[in-house]
Amino acid sequence: MRNYAEQVRKYIPGRYEVLGTDGFGRSDSRAALRDFFEVDANYVTIAALKALVDEGEMEASVVSDAIKKYGVDIGKPNPMTV
């Protein structure tokens, strides 16, 4: 869960990305739940690539390519607000 991981943020030097789910009962399977909350392997990959882009380690086009490759809908509502 995101809130659990957020507890250690102040002890981590540098960039710290938290991934996780804060809700249950939204989906009929764990895979669907991970997809809904954007924490499956595809979203984790994209988040990691985005962090590397933000740090200047790679070009932003890599993130765009990954979004296309994994078929991620970047226009879908934020799961934390639905």
N, C-alpha and C. Protein backbone atom coordinates (compact mmCIF):
# COMPACT_ATOMS: atom_id res chain seq x y z
N MET A 1 0.83 -1.18 0.00
CA MET A 1 0.00 0.00 0.00
C MET A 1 0.88 1.24 0.00
N ARG A 2 0.42 2.22 -0.70
CA ARG A 2 1.19 3.46 -0.84
C ARG A 2 1.48 4.13 0.50
N ASN A 3 0.51 4.19 1.37
CA ASN A 3 0.70 4.89 2.64
C ASN A 3 1.82 4.26 3.47
N TYR A 4 1.95 2.95 3.41
CA TYR A 4 3.00 2.26 4.15
C TYR A 4 4.37 2.69 3.65
N ALA A 5 4.54 2.68 2.34
CA ALA A 5 5.83 3.05 1.75
C ALA A 5 6.14 4.53 1.96
N GLU A 6 5.13 5.37 2.03
CA GLU A 6 5.34 6.81 2.24
C GLU A 6 5.97 7.10 3.60
N GLN A 7 5.83 6.20 4.57
CA GLN A 7 6.35 6.43 5.92
C GLN A 7 7.86 6.58 5.95
N VAL A 8 8.55 5.99 4.98
CA VAL A 8 10.02 6.04 5.00
C VAL A 8 10.59 7.10 4.08
N ARG A 9 9.73 7.85 3.39
CA ARG A 9 10.19 8.84 2.41
C ARG A 9 11.26 9.76 2.99
N LYS A 10 11.06 10.26 4.20
CA LYS A 10 12.00 11.24 4.76
C LYS A 10 13.38 10.64 5.05
N TYR A 11 13.48 9.30 5.04
CA TYR A 11 14.76 8.65 5.31
C TYR A 11 15.51 8.24 4.04
N ILE A 12 14.89 8.46 2.89
CA ILE A 12 15.49 8.06 1.61
C ILE A 12 16.08 9.29 0.93
N PRO A 13 17.40 9.31 0.74
CA PRO A 13 18.00 10.45 0.05
C PRO A 13 17.69 10.38 -1.45
N GLY A 14 17.48 11.50 -2.05
CA GLY A 14 17.23 11.54 -3.49
C GLY A 14 15.80 11.20 -3.85
N ARG A 15 15.61 10.86 -5.09
CA ARG A 15 14.28 10.58 -5.63
C ARG A 15 13.71 9.29 -5.03
N TYR A 16 12.42 9.30 -4.73
CA TYR A 16 11.74 8.15 -4.14
C TYR A 16 10.36 8.03 -4.76
N GLU A 17 10.14 7.01 -5.56
CA GLU A 17 8.85 6.79 -6.22
C GLU A 17 8.08 5.72 -5.47
N VAL A 18 6.87 6.01 -5.08
CA VAL A 18 6.03 5.04 -4.36
C VAL A 18 4.97 4.50 -5.30
N LEU A 19 4.89 3.18 -5.37
CA LEU A 19 3.87 2.51 -6.16
C LEU A 19 3.08 1.61 -5.22
N GLY A 20 1.82 1.42 -5.49
CA GLY A 20 1.03 0.51 -4.66
C GLY A 20 -0.44 0.79 -4.80
N THR A 21 -1.23 0.02 -4.08
CA THR A 21 -2.68 0.18 -4.12
C THR A 21 -3.19 0.58 -2.75
N ASP A 22 -4.17 1.43 -2.73
CA ASP A 22 -4.78 1.86 -1.48
C ASP A 22 -6.25 1.47 -1.40
N GLY A 23 -6.65 0.53 -2.20
CA GLY A 23 -8.05 0.13 -2.20
C GLY A 23 -8.23 -1.30 -2.63
N PHE A 24 -9.28 -1.91 -2.15
CA PHE A 24 -9.59 -3.29 -2.51
C PHE A 24 -11.04 -3.35 -2.92
N GLY A 25 -11.44 -4.44 -3.53
CA GLY A 25 -12.81 -4.60 -3.94
C GLY A 25 -13.14 -3.88 -5.23
N ARG A 26 -12.15 -3.35 -5.91
CA ARG A 26 -12.37 -2.62 -7.16
C ARG A 26 -12.35 -3.54 -8.36
N SER A 27 -11.81 -4.75 -8.20
CA SER A 27 -11.61 -5.63 -9.34
C SER A 27 -11.84 -7.07 -8.92
N ASP A 28 -12.05 -7.93 -9.92
CA ASP A 28 -12.34 -9.33 -9.63
C ASP A 28 -11.10 -10.21 -9.55
N SER A 29 -9.93 -9.66 -9.81
CA SER A 29 -8.69 -10.42 -9.71
C SER A 29 -7.54 -9.49 -9.31
N ARG A 30 -6.47 -10.08 -8.84
CA ARG A 30 -5.31 -9.27 -8.47
C ARG A 30 -4.71 -8.58 -9.69
N ALA A 31 -4.69 -9.29 -10.82
CA ALA A 31 -4.15 -8.69 -12.04
C ALA A 31 -4.98 -7.47 -12.45
N ALA A 32 -6.30 -7.59 -12.38
CA ALA A 32 -7.17 -6.46 -12.73
C ALA A 32 -7.00 -5.32 -11.73
N LEU A 33 -6.82 -5.65 -10.45
CA LEU A 33 -6.60 -4.63 -9.43
C LEU A 33 -5.31 -3.86 -9.70
N ARG A 34 -4.25 -4.60 -10.02
CA ARG A 34 -2.97 -3.96 -10.32
C ARG A 34 -3.07 -3.05 -11.54
N ASP A 35 -3.82 -3.52 -12.54
CA ASP A 35 -4.01 -2.69 -13.73
C ASP A 35 -4.82 -1.44 -13.39
N PHE A 36 -5.90 -1.61 -12.63
CA PHE A 36 -6.74 -0.46 -12.27
C PHE A 36 -5.93 0.60 -11.53
N PHE A 37 -5.12 0.17 -10.56
CA PHE A 37 -4.33 1.12 -9.76
C PHE A 37 -2.99 1.46 -10.40
N GLU A 38 -2.76 0.98 -11.62
CA GLU A 38 -1.56 1.32 -12.38
C GLU A 38 -0.27 0.88 -11.69
N VAL A 39 -0.28 -0.34 -11.15
CA VAL A 39 0.92 -0.86 -10.49
C VAL A 39 1.30 -2.24 -11.02
N ASP A 40 0.84 -2.58 -12.23
CA ASP A 40 1.28 -3.84 -12.81
C ASP A 40 2.65 -3.63 -13.46
N ALA A 41 3.20 -4.67 -14.04
CA ALA A 41 4.56 -4.60 -14.60
C ALA A 41 4.71 -3.49 -15.63
N ASN A 42 3.68 -3.29 -16.46
CA ASN A 42 3.77 -2.25 -17.48
C ASN A 42 3.87 -0.86 -16.87
N TYR A 43 3.03 -0.58 -15.88
CA TYR A 43 3.05 0.74 -15.25
C TYR A 43 4.32 0.96 -14.44
N VAL A 44 4.81 -0.09 -13.78
CA VAL A 44 6.06 0.03 -13.02
C VAL A 44 7.21 0.35 -13.97
N THR A 45 7.23 -0.32 -15.12
CA THR A 45 8.26 -0.05 -16.12
C THR A 45 8.21 1.40 -16.59
N ILE A 46 7.01 1.87 -16.90
CA ILE A 46 6.86 3.25 -17.37
C ILE A 46 7.25 4.24 -16.28
N ALA A 47 6.87 3.98 -15.03
CA ALA A 47 7.24 4.87 -13.92
C ALA A 47 8.75 4.92 -13.74
N ALA A 48 9.41 3.77 -13.86
CA ALA A 48 10.87 3.74 -13.73
C ALA A 48 11.53 4.50 -14.86
N LEU A 49 11.04 4.31 -16.07
CA LEU A 49 11.60 5.04 -17.22
C LEU A 49 11.39 6.54 -17.06
N LYS A 50 10.21 6.94 -16.61
CA LYS A 50 9.91 8.37 -16.39
C LYS A 50 10.85 8.97 -15.35
N ALA A 51 11.12 8.22 -14.28
CA ALA A 51 12.04 8.70 -13.26
C ALA A 51 13.44 8.91 -13.85
N LEU A 52 13.86 7.99 -14.71
CA LEU A 52 15.17 8.14 -15.36
C LEU A 52 15.20 9.34 -16.30
N VAL A 53 14.10 9.58 -16.99
CA VAL A 53 14.00 10.77 -17.85
C VAL A 53 14.09 12.03 -16.99
N ASP A 54 13.36 12.05 -15.87
CA ASP A 54 13.37 13.21 -14.98
C ASP A 54 14.76 13.48 -14.42
N GLU A 55 15.57 12.44 -14.28
CA GLU A 55 16.93 12.59 -13.78
C GLU A 55 17.92 12.91 -14.90
N GLY A 56 17.42 12.98 -16.14
CA GLY A 56 18.29 13.30 -17.27
C GLY A 56 19.11 12.13 -17.77
N GLU A 57 18.70 10.92 -17.42
CA GLU A 57 19.46 9.73 -17.80
C GLU A 57 19.08 9.17 -19.17
N MET A 58 17.91 9.56 -19.69
CA MET A 58 17.50 9.09 -21.01
C MET A 58 16.51 10.06 -21.63
N GLU A 59 16.24 9.86 -22.89
CA GLU A 59 15.34 10.73 -23.65
C GLU A 59 13.88 10.42 -23.33
N ALA A 60 13.04 11.44 -23.36
CA ALA A 60 11.61 11.28 -23.08
C ALA A 60 10.92 10.37 -24.09
N SER A 61 11.47 10.25 -25.27
CA SER A 61 10.87 9.39 -26.29
C SER A 61 10.81 7.93 -25.84
N VAL A 62 11.70 7.53 -24.94
CA VAL A 62 11.69 6.16 -24.43
C VAL A 62 10.40 5.89 -23.67
N VAL A 63 9.94 6.87 -22.91
CA VAL A 63 8.68 6.73 -22.17
C VAL A 63 7.51 6.66 -23.14
N SER A 64 7.50 7.53 -24.13
CA SER A 64 6.44 7.51 -25.14
C SER A 64 6.39 6.17 -25.85
N ASP A 65 7.55 5.64 -26.19
CA ASP A 65 7.60 4.34 -26.86
C ASP A 65 7.05 3.23 -25.96
N ALA A 66 7.38 3.27 -24.67
CA ALA A 66 6.89 2.26 -23.74
C ALA A 66 5.37 2.35 -23.57
N ILE A 67 4.85 3.56 -23.51
CA ILE A 67 3.40 3.76 -23.40
C ILE A 67 2.70 3.14 -24.60
N LYS A 68 3.24 3.36 -25.77
CA LYS A 68 2.66 2.77 -26.99
C LYS A 68 2.80 1.26 -26.98
N LYS A 69 3.99 0.78 -26.62
CA LYS A 69 4.26 -0.67 -26.62
C LYS A 69 3.29 -1.42 -25.71
N TYR A 70 3.03 -0.86 -24.53
CA TYR A 70 2.19 -1.54 -23.55
C TYR A 70 0.71 -1.18 -23.68
N GLY A 71 0.38 -0.30 -24.60
CA GLY A 71 -1.02 0.06 -24.82
C GLY A 71 -1.67 0.76 -23.65
N VAL A 72 -0.91 1.58 -22.95
CA VAL A 72 -1.42 2.29 -21.78
C VAL A 72 -2.23 3.51 -22.22
N ASP A 73 -3.41 3.64 -21.65
CA ASP A 73 -4.30 4.78 -21.95
C ASP A 73 -3.93 5.92 -21.00
N ILE A 74 -3.17 6.90 -21.50
CA ILE A 74 -2.73 8.00 -20.64
C ILE A 74 -3.85 8.98 -20.34
N GLY A 75 -4.99 8.83 -21.00
CA GLY A 75 -6.12 9.72 -20.75
C GLY A 75 -7.12 9.19 -19.74
N LYS A 76 -6.87 7.98 -19.22
CA LYS A 76 -7.83 7.42 -18.26
C LYS A 76 -7.75 8.18 -16.94
N PRO A 77 -8.85 8.22 -16.18
CA PRO A 77 -8.85 8.95 -14.91
C PRO A 77 -7.83 8.38 -13.91
N ASN A 78 -7.31 9.24 -13.07
CA ASN A 78 -6.41 8.82 -12.01
C ASN A 78 -7.18 7.88 -11.08
N PRO A 79 -6.68 6.66 -10.86
CA PRO A 79 -7.41 5.70 -10.04
C PRO A 79 -7.60 6.16 -8.59
N MET A 80 -6.78 7.07 -8.14
CA MET A 80 -6.91 7.56 -6.76
C MET A 80 -8.08 8.53 -6.61
N THR A 81 -8.63 8.99 -7.74
CA THR A 81 -9.73 9.95 -7.68
C THR A 81 -11.05 9.35 -8.16
N VAL A 82 -11.03 8.10 -8.57
CA VAL A 82 -12.25 7.46 -9.10
C VAL A 82 -13.00 6.77 -7.97
